[in-house]
Amino acid sequence: MRLVRIIGPLAWLLVPSIAAAHISLTYPPPRTSSQKQRHCGLAGLTRGATVTTLEPGSTITVTWLETIDHPGHYRISFDDDGEDFLVPPTATESTEGMDPTVIKDLIPDVGGAVPSGGRPYSFEITLPDIECTNCTLQLIQMMTEGGQYDSNSDLYYQCADITLARGGGNPTPDAGPGGGAGGDDAGTGTPTETTGGCTTTGAASGLPLALALLGLLRRRQR
């Protein structure tokens, strides 16, 4: 009984963090799971140790999970130096062209009950053809169910720390669990090799050796 009395109050401390998780960026990997404060989920948050290196001008598939459904949309932005993102001025108008960091706005929310494990989303973007060591990709979820738009409560933020370096990353990394373009395993930098539409694997490279052993066994049986 005493243990229950101790655990009970502590369990309530977990509720705000669980309730705050409405989206989960799966590729590129996010800086933090916090989501409610501009511009990357937590006020005063600095660049983390998880940095994804990609090729300038490459096309990648950004993937994320929606964990709690809200009517609205998503926006993907990219800053080549820090996180100087702007808060959307309205809940329904596109900010493309208004904000130079915005790559794509008004990505629609599917809506409906979220399946167990979350609803996967993916969106293909082309990164700027520049090199940068302090760049940031931002994903936001805009909720439009609250009536009057309030930038302090209607947005969820997540950011990924990025480096763009020539020869430093695969241009089409695997999108991860959210689906998307094929390629190498996200973050490993080891692309699969394809020839004539078929994927070459380690098993194929061992085929000549297997045939040689089979021939040797047949000669011994004779």
C-alpha atoms as a PDB file:
ATOM      1  CA  MET A   1       0.000   0.000   0.000  1.00  0.00           C
ATOM      2  CA  ARG A   2       2.850   2.356   0.848  1.00  0.00           C
ATOM      3  CA  LEU A   3       4.495   1.658  -2.537  1.00  0.00           C
ATOM      4  CA  VAL A   4       1.236   2.469  -4.337  1.00  0.00           C
ATOM      5  CA  ARG A   5       0.960   5.756  -2.473  1.00  0.00           C
ATOM      6  CA  ILE A   6       4.462   6.701  -3.630  1.00  0.00           C
ATOM      7  CA  ILE A   7       4.088   5.596  -7.274  1.00  0.00           C
ATOM      8  CA  GLY A   8       0.635   7.120  -7.720  1.00  0.00           C
ATOM      9  CA  PRO A   9       1.717  10.774  -7.478  1.00  0.00           C
ATOM     10  CA  LEU A  10       4.859  10.103  -9.504  1.00  0.00           C
ATOM     11  CA  ALA A  11       2.797   8.599 -12.337  1.00  0.00           C
ATOM     12  CA  TRP A  12       0.956  11.878 -12.783  1.00  0.00           C
ATOM     13  CA  LEU A  13       4.286  13.551 -13.519  1.00  0.00           C
ATOM     14  CA  LEU A  14       4.497  11.481 -16.697  1.00  0.00           C
ATOM     15  CA  VAL A  15       1.143  12.648 -18.062  1.00  0.00           C
ATOM     16  CA  PRO A  16       2.208  16.070 -19.442  1.00  0.00           C
ATOM     17  CA  SER A  17       5.074  14.589 -21.491  1.00  0.00           C
ATOM     18  CA  ILE A  18       2.854  11.842 -22.918  1.00  0.00           C
ATOM     19  CA  ALA A  19       0.008  14.220 -23.696  1.00  0.00           C
ATOM     20  CA  ALA A  20       2.387  16.676 -25.378  1.00  0.00           C
ATOM     21  CA  ALA A  21       3.556  14.123 -27.960  1.00  0.00           C
ATOM     22  CA  HIS A  22       1.307  14.735 -30.962  1.00  0.00           C
ATOM     23  CA  ILE A  23       3.903  14.165 -33.679  1.00  0.00           C
ATOM     24  CA  SER A  24       7.115  12.165 -33.862  1.00  0.00           C
ATOM     25  CA  LEU A  25       9.718  12.976 -36.518  1.00  0.00           C
ATOM     26  CA  THR A  26      11.248   9.690 -37.672  1.00  0.00           C
ATOM     27  CA  TYR A  27      13.584  10.898 -40.451  1.00  0.00           C
ATOM     28  CA  PRO A  28      15.719  12.869 -40.103  1.00  0.00           C
ATOM     29  CA  PRO A  29      15.954  12.013 -36.385  1.00  0.00           C
ATOM     30  CA  PRO A  30      14.738  14.822 -34.104  1.00  0.00           C
ATOM     31  CA  ARG A  31      16.735  16.878 -31.641  1.00  0.00           C
ATOM     32  CA  THR A  32      14.241  16.256 -28.829  1.00  0.00           C
ATOM     33  CA  SER A  33      10.828  14.725 -28.206  1.00  0.00           C
ATOM     34  CA  SER A  34       9.583  18.000 -26.658  1.00  0.00           C
ATOM     35  CA  GLN A  35       7.167  19.812 -28.968  1.00  0.00           C
ATOM     36  CA  LYS A  36       5.303  22.750 -27.469  1.00  0.00           C
ATOM     37  CA  GLN A  37       7.724  25.689 -27.509  1.00  0.00           C
ATOM     38  CA  ARG A  38       9.086  27.525 -30.511  1.00  0.00           C
ATOM     39  CA  HIS A  39      10.982  26.876 -32.619  1.00  0.00           C
ATOM     40  CA  CYS A  40      12.190  23.347 -32.019  1.00  0.00           C
ATOM     41  CA  GLY A  41      10.040  22.024 -29.175  1.00  0.00           C
ATOM     42  CA  LEU A  42      11.694  23.510 -26.117  1.00  0.00           C
ATOM     43  CA  ALA A  43      12.678  27.122 -25.442  1.00  0.00           C
ATOM     44  CA  GLY A  44      16.438  27.686 -25.274  1.00  0.00           C
ATOM     45  CA  LEU A  45      17.180  24.277 -26.753  1.00  0.00           C
ATOM     46  CA  THR A  46      20.605  24.103 -28.420  1.00  0.00           C
ATOM     47  CA  ARG A  47      21.907  21.962 -31.252  1.00  0.00           C
ATOM     48  CA  GLY A  48      22.241  18.336 -30.136  1.00  0.00           C
ATOM     49  CA  ALA A  49      24.602  15.446 -30.756  1.00  0.00           C
ATOM     50  CA  THR A  50      22.345  13.703 -33.307  1.00  0.00           C
ATOM     51  CA  VAL A  51      23.272  15.333 -36.628  1.00  0.00           C
ATOM     52  CA  THR A  52      22.275  13.988 -40.052  1.00  0.00           C
ATOM     53  CA  THR A  53      24.773  14.721 -42.851  1.00  0.00           C
ATOM     54  CA  LEU A  54      23.289  15.004 -46.337  1.00  0.00           C
ATOM     55  CA  GLU A  55      24.339  16.032 -49.825  1.00  0.00           C
ATOM     56  CA  PRO A  56      23.588  19.645 -50.864  1.00  0.00           C
ATOM     57  CA  GLY A  57      20.706  19.790 -53.345  1.00  0.00           C
ATOM     58  CA  SER A  58      19.698  16.195 -52.600  1.00  0.00           C
ATOM     59  CA  THR A  59      16.139  14.932 -52.412  1.00  0.00           C
ATOM     60  CA  ILE A  60      15.090  13.218 -49.193  1.00  0.00           C
ATOM     61  CA  THR A  61      11.844  11.889 -47.803  1.00  0.00           C
ATOM     62  CA  VAL A  62      10.901  13.439 -44.482  1.00  0.00           C
ATOM     63  CA  THR A  63       8.866  10.996 -42.388  1.00  0.00           C
ATOM     64  CA  TRP A  64       6.922  11.367 -39.181  1.00  0.00           C
ATOM     65  CA  LEU A  65       4.163   9.791 -37.116  1.00  0.00           C
ATOM     66  CA  GLU A  66       0.993  11.462 -35.933  1.00  0.00           C
ATOM     67  CA  THR A  67       0.258  10.099 -32.467  1.00  0.00           C
ATOM     68  CA  ILE A  68      -2.790  12.206 -31.564  1.00  0.00           C
ATOM     69  CA  ASP A  69      -5.224  13.270 -34.258  1.00  0.00           C
ATOM     70  CA  HIS A  70      -6.135  16.921 -34.775  1.00  0.00           C
ATOM     71  CA  PRO A  71      -7.639  18.566 -37.861  1.00  0.00           C
ATOM     72  CA  GLY A  72      -5.105  20.839 -39.501  1.00  0.00           C
ATOM     73  CA  HIS A  73      -1.936  20.494 -41.554  1.00  0.00           C
ATOM     74  CA  TYR A  74       1.864  20.223 -41.466  1.00  0.00           C
ATOM     75  CA  ARG A  75       4.708  22.470 -42.594  1.00  0.00           C
ATOM     76  CA  ILE A  76       8.359  21.654 -43.391  1.00  0.00           C
ATOM     77  CA  SER A  77      10.995  24.399 -43.215  1.00  0.00           C
ATOM     78  CA  PHE A  78      14.784  24.567 -43.510  1.00  0.00           C
ATOM     79  CA  ASP A  79      17.180  27.155 -42.076  1.00  0.00           C
ATOM     80  CA  ASP A  80      20.782  27.095 -43.309  1.00  0.00           C
ATOM     81  CA  ASP A  81      22.105  28.754 -40.137  1.00  0.00           C
ATOM     82  CA  GLY A  82      20.341  28.097 -36.856  1.00  0.00           C
ATOM     83  CA  GLU A  83      16.588  28.134 -36.350  1.00  0.00           C
ATOM     84  CA  ASP A  84      15.294  31.525 -37.429  1.00  0.00           C
ATOM     85  CA  PHE A  85      11.848  30.217 -38.266  1.00  0.00           C
ATOM     86  CA  LEU A  86       8.677  32.300 -38.282  1.00  0.00           C
ATOM     87  CA  VAL A  87       5.422  31.341 -36.611  1.00  0.00           C
ATOM     88  CA  PRO A  88       2.615  31.005 -39.205  1.00  0.00           C
ATOM     89  CA  PRO A  89       0.577  34.240 -39.279  1.00  0.00           C
ATOM     90  CA  THR A  90      -2.708  32.383 -39.761  1.00  0.00           C
ATOM     91  CA  ALA A  91      -4.015  28.852 -39.462  1.00  0.00           C
ATOM     92  CA  THR A  92      -5.147  28.416 -43.060  1.00  0.00           C
ATOM     93  CA  GLU A  93      -2.911  30.485 -45.387  1.00  0.00           C
ATOM     94  CA  SER A  94       0.276  29.125 -46.935  1.00  0.00           C
ATOM     95  CA  THR A  95       3.534  30.773 -45.867  1.00  0.00           C
ATOM     96  CA  GLU A  96       5.452  29.629 -48.952  1.00  0.00           C
ATOM     97  CA  GLY A  97       6.987  32.726 -50.531  1.00  0.00           C
ATOM     98  CA  MET A  98       6.347  34.788 -47.391  1.00  0.00           C
ATOM     99  CA  ASP A  99       8.994  32.983 -45.326  1.00  0.00           C
ATOM    100  CA  PRO A 100      12.192  31.966 -47.182  1.00  0.00           C
ATOM    101  CA  THR A 101      12.762  29.049 -44.800  1.00  0.00           C
ATOM    102  CA  VAL A 102       9.476  27.331 -45.721  1.00  0.00           C
ATOM    103  CA  ILE A 103       9.870  24.443 -48.161  1.00  0.00           C
ATOM    104  CA  LYS A 104       6.285  23.170 -48.093  1.00  0.00           C
ATOM    105  CA  ASP A 105       3.218  24.378 -46.233  1.00  0.00           C
ATOM    106  CA  LEU A 106      -0.365  23.126 -45.911  1.00  0.00           C
ATOM    107  CA  ILE A 107       0.586  19.430 -46.055  1.00  0.00           C
ATOM    108  CA  PRO A 108      -2.845  17.952 -45.304  1.00  0.00           C
ATOM    109  CA  ASP A 109      -3.684  15.982 -42.195  1.00  0.00           C
ATOM    110  CA  VAL A 110      -5.448  12.711 -43.030  1.00  0.00           C
ATOM    111  CA  GLY A 111      -7.786  12.843 -40.044  1.00  0.00           C
ATOM    112  CA  GLY A 112      -9.656  10.083 -38.274  1.00  0.00           C
ATOM    113  CA  ALA A 113      -8.706   7.694 -35.504  1.00  0.00           C
ATOM    114  CA  VAL A 114      -4.943   7.225 -35.188  1.00  0.00           C
ATOM    115  CA  PRO A 115      -3.949   3.534 -35.463  1.00  0.00           C
ATOM    116  CA  SER A 116      -1.907   1.849 -32.760  1.00  0.00           C
ATOM    117  CA  GLY A 117       1.706   2.942 -33.129  1.00  0.00           C
ATOM    118  CA  GLY A 118       0.766   6.173 -34.883  1.00  0.00           C
ATOM    119  CA  ARG A 119      -0.244   7.249 -38.387  1.00  0.00           C
ATOM    120  CA  PRO A 120       2.783   7.454 -40.740  1.00  0.00           C
ATOM    121  CA  TYR A 121       3.355  10.439 -43.016  1.00  0.00           C
ATOM    122  CA  SER A 122       6.039  11.050 -45.621  1.00  0.00           C
ATOM    123  CA  PHE A 123       6.860  14.000 -47.850  1.00  0.00           C
ATOM    124  CA  GLU A 124       9.655  14.355 -50.396  1.00  0.00           C
ATOM    125  CA  ILE A 125      11.656  17.596 -50.352  1.00  0.00           C
ATOM    126  CA  THR A 126      14.710  18.949 -52.157  1.00  0.00           C
ATOM    127  CA  LEU A 127      17.337  20.505 -49.918  1.00  0.00           C
ATOM    128  CA  PRO A 128      19.130  23.765 -50.820  1.00  0.00           C
ATOM    129  CA  ASP A 129      22.201  23.295 -53.011  1.00  0.00           C
ATOM    130  CA  ILE A 130      24.542  24.830 -50.457  1.00  0.00           C
ATOM    131  CA  GLU A 131      26.947  23.634 -47.789  1.00  0.00           C
ATOM    132  CA  CYS A 132      26.136  24.397 -44.158  1.00  0.00           C
ATOM    133  CA  THR A 133      27.220  23.060 -40.781  1.00  0.00           C
ATOM    134  CA  ASN A 134      24.548  24.666 -38.607  1.00  0.00           C
ATOM    135  CA  CYS A 135      21.398  23.940 -40.596  1.00  0.00           C
ATOM    136  CA  THR A 136      18.067  22.868 -39.153  1.00  0.00           C
ATOM    137  CA  LEU A 137      15.020  21.131 -40.589  1.00  0.00           C
ATOM    138  CA  GLN A 138      11.733  21.950 -38.844  1.00  0.00           C
ATOM    139  CA  LEU A 139       8.418  20.091 -38.882  1.00  0.00           C
ATOM    140  CA  ILE A 140       5.341  21.694 -37.357  1.00  0.00           C
ATOM    141  CA  GLN A 141       1.806  20.430 -36.826  1.00  0.00           C
ATOM    142  CA  MET A 142      -0.820  23.158 -37.027  1.00  0.00           C
ATOM    143  CA  MET A 143      -4.103  22.408 -35.258  1.00  0.00           C
ATOM    144  CA  THR A 144      -7.164  24.219 -36.593  1.00  0.00           C
ATOM    145  CA  GLU A 145      -9.889  22.879 -34.314  1.00  0.00           C
ATOM    146  CA  GLY A 146      -9.639  25.582 -31.662  1.00  0.00           C
ATOM    147  CA  GLY A 147     -11.455  28.324 -33.565  1.00  0.00           C
ATOM    148  CA  GLN A 148      -9.415  31.482 -32.943  1.00  0.00           C
ATOM    149  CA  TYR A 149      -5.801  30.895 -33.968  1.00  0.00           C
ATOM    150  CA  ASP A 150      -3.389  31.164 -31.044  1.00  0.00           C
ATOM    151  CA  SER A 151       0.255  30.543 -31.936  1.00  0.00           C
ATOM    152  CA  ASN A 152       1.047  29.601 -28.341  1.00  0.00           C
ATOM    153  CA  SER A 153      -1.278  26.610 -28.198  1.00  0.00           C
ATOM    154  CA  ASP A 154      -2.087  25.553 -31.765  1.00  0.00           C
ATOM    155  CA  LEU A 155       1.396  24.464 -32.885  1.00  0.00           C
ATOM    156  CA  TYR A 156       3.634  21.482 -32.213  1.00  0.00           C
ATOM    157  CA  TYR A 157       7.302  21.767 -33.195  1.00  0.00           C
ATOM    158  CA  GLN A 158      10.083  19.288 -33.933  1.00  0.00           C
ATOM    159  CA  CYS A 159      13.515  19.924 -35.446  1.00  0.00           C
ATOM    160  CA  ALA A 160      16.350  17.843 -36.867  1.00  0.00           C
ATOM    161  CA  ASP A 161      19.964  19.024 -36.801  1.00  0.00           C
ATOM    162  CA  ILE A 162      21.444  18.835 -40.309  1.00  0.00           C
ATOM    163  CA  THR A 163      24.812  19.269 -42.010  1.00  0.00           C
ATOM    164  CA  LEU A 164      24.985  19.706 -45.785  1.00  0.00           C
ATOM    165  CA  ALA A 165      28.403  18.664 -47.107  1.00  0.00           C
ATOM    166  CA  ARG A 166      29.461  17.599 -50.595  1.00  0.00           C
ATOM    167  CA  GLY A 167      30.233  13.901 -50.581  1.00  0.00           C
ATOM    168  CA  GLY A 168      29.120  13.719 -46.977  1.00  0.00           C
ATOM    169  CA  GLY A 169      25.766  11.972 -47.255  1.00  0.00           C
ATOM    170  CA  ASN A 170      23.560   9.773 -49.393  1.00  0.00           C
ATOM    171  CA  PRO A 171      21.108  11.835 -51.513  1.00  0.00           C
ATOM    172  CA  THR A 172      18.211   9.395 -51.058  1.00  0.00           C
ATOM    173  CA  PRO A 173      18.392   7.899 -47.559  1.00  0.00           C
ATOM    174  CA  ASP A 174      15.850   5.365 -46.397  1.00  0.00           C
ATOM    175  CA  ALA A 175      12.768   7.101 -45.085  1.00  0.00           C
ATOM    176  CA  GLY A 176      12.514   4.778 -42.094  1.00  0.00           C
ATOM    177  CA  PRO A 177       9.320   3.473 -40.508  1.00  0.00           C
ATOM    178  CA  GLY A 178       7.183   6.192 -42.041  1.00  0.00           C
ATOM    179  CA  GLY A 179       7.783   4.892 -45.570  1.00  0.00           C
ATOM    180  CA  GLY A 180       9.009   6.870 -48.561  1.00  0.00           C
ATOM    181  CA  ALA A 181      11.886   6.617 -50.972  1.00  0.00           C
ATOM    182  CA  GLY A 182      14.178   3.607 -50.836  1.00  0.00           C
ATOM    183  CA  GLY A 183      17.925   3.705 -50.521  1.00  0.00           C
ATOM    184  CA  ASP A 184      20.343   3.180 -47.710  1.00  0.00           C
ATOM    185  CA  ASP A 185      19.421   2.492 -44.117  1.00  0.00           C
ATOM    186  CA  ALA A 186      18.732   5.874 -42.509  1.00  0.00           C
ATOM    187  CA  GLY A 187      21.877   7.275 -40.970  1.00  0.00           C
ATOM    188  CA  THR A 188      24.173   4.361 -41.893  1.00  0.00           C
ATOM    189  CA  GLY A 189      25.617   5.808 -45.103  1.00  0.00           C
ATOM    190  CA  THR A 190      25.647   2.311 -46.657  1.00  0.00           C
ATOM    191  CA  PRO A 191      23.602   2.348 -49.878  1.00  0.00           C
ATOM    192  CA  THR A 192      22.224  -0.811 -51.423  1.00  0.00           C
ATOM    193  CA  GLU A 193      23.653  -1.704 -54.823  1.00  0.00           C
ATOM    194  CA  THR A 194      21.157  -2.317 -57.600  1.00  0.00           C
ATOM    195  CA  THR A 195      21.856  -3.880 -60.986  1.00  0.00           C
ATOM    196  CA  GLY A 196      19.224  -4.285 -63.695  1.00  0.00           C
ATOM    197  CA  GLY A 197      16.405  -3.626 -61.233  1.00  0.00           C
ATOM    198  CA  CYS A 198      17.539  -6.367 -58.810  1.00  0.00           C
ATOM    199  CA  THR A 199      19.176  -5.738 -55.461  1.00  0.00           C
ATOM    200  CA  THR A 200      22.605  -7.336 -55.060  1.00  0.00           C
ATOM    201  CA  THR A 201      23.027  -8.946 -51.635  1.00  0.00           C
ATOM    202  CA  GLY A 202      25.698 -10.866 -49.768  1.00  0.00           C
ATOM    203  CA  ALA A 203      23.875 -14.150 -50.470  1.00  0.00           C
ATOM    204  CA  ALA A 204      24.331 -13.714 -54.200  1.00  0.00           C
ATOM    205  CA  SER A 205      28.075 -13.238 -53.849  1.00  0.00           C
ATOM    206  CA  GLY A 206      28.351 -16.698 -52.186  1.00  0.00           C
ATOM    207  CA  LEU A 207      26.624 -18.560 -55.040  1.00  0.00           C
ATOM    208  CA  PRO A 208      29.807 -19.493 -57.005  1.00  0.00           C
ATOM    209  CA  LEU A 209      31.361 -20.985 -53.859  1.00  0.00           C
ATOM    210  CA  ALA A 210      28.224 -23.048 -53.149  1.00  0.00           C
ATOM    211  CA  LEU A 211      28.233 -24.462 -56.705  1.00  0.00           C
ATOM    212  CA  ALA A 212      31.912 -25.386 -56.412  1.00  0.00           C
ATOM    213  CA  LEU A 213      31.297 -27.273 -53.154  1.00  0.00           C
ATOM    214  CA  LEU A 214      28.348 -29.116 -54.691  1.00  0.00           C
ATOM    215  CA  GLY A 215      30.512 -30.287 -57.600  1.00  0.00           C
ATOM    216  CA  LEU A 216      33.201 -31.517 -55.185  1.00  0.00           C
ATOM    217  CA  LEU A 217      30.654 -33.545 -53.196  1.00  0.00           C
ATOM    218  CA  ARG A 218      29.328 -35.181 -56.389  1.00  0.00           C
ATOM    219  CA  ARG A 219      32.857 -36.243 -57.445  1.00  0.00           C
ATOM    220  CA  ARG A 220      33.452 -37.824 -54.033  1.00  0.00           C
ATOM    221  CA  GLN A 221      30.185 -39.803 -54.274  1.00  0.00           C
ATOM    222  CA  ARG A 222      31.316 -41.362 -57.568  1.00  0.00           C
END
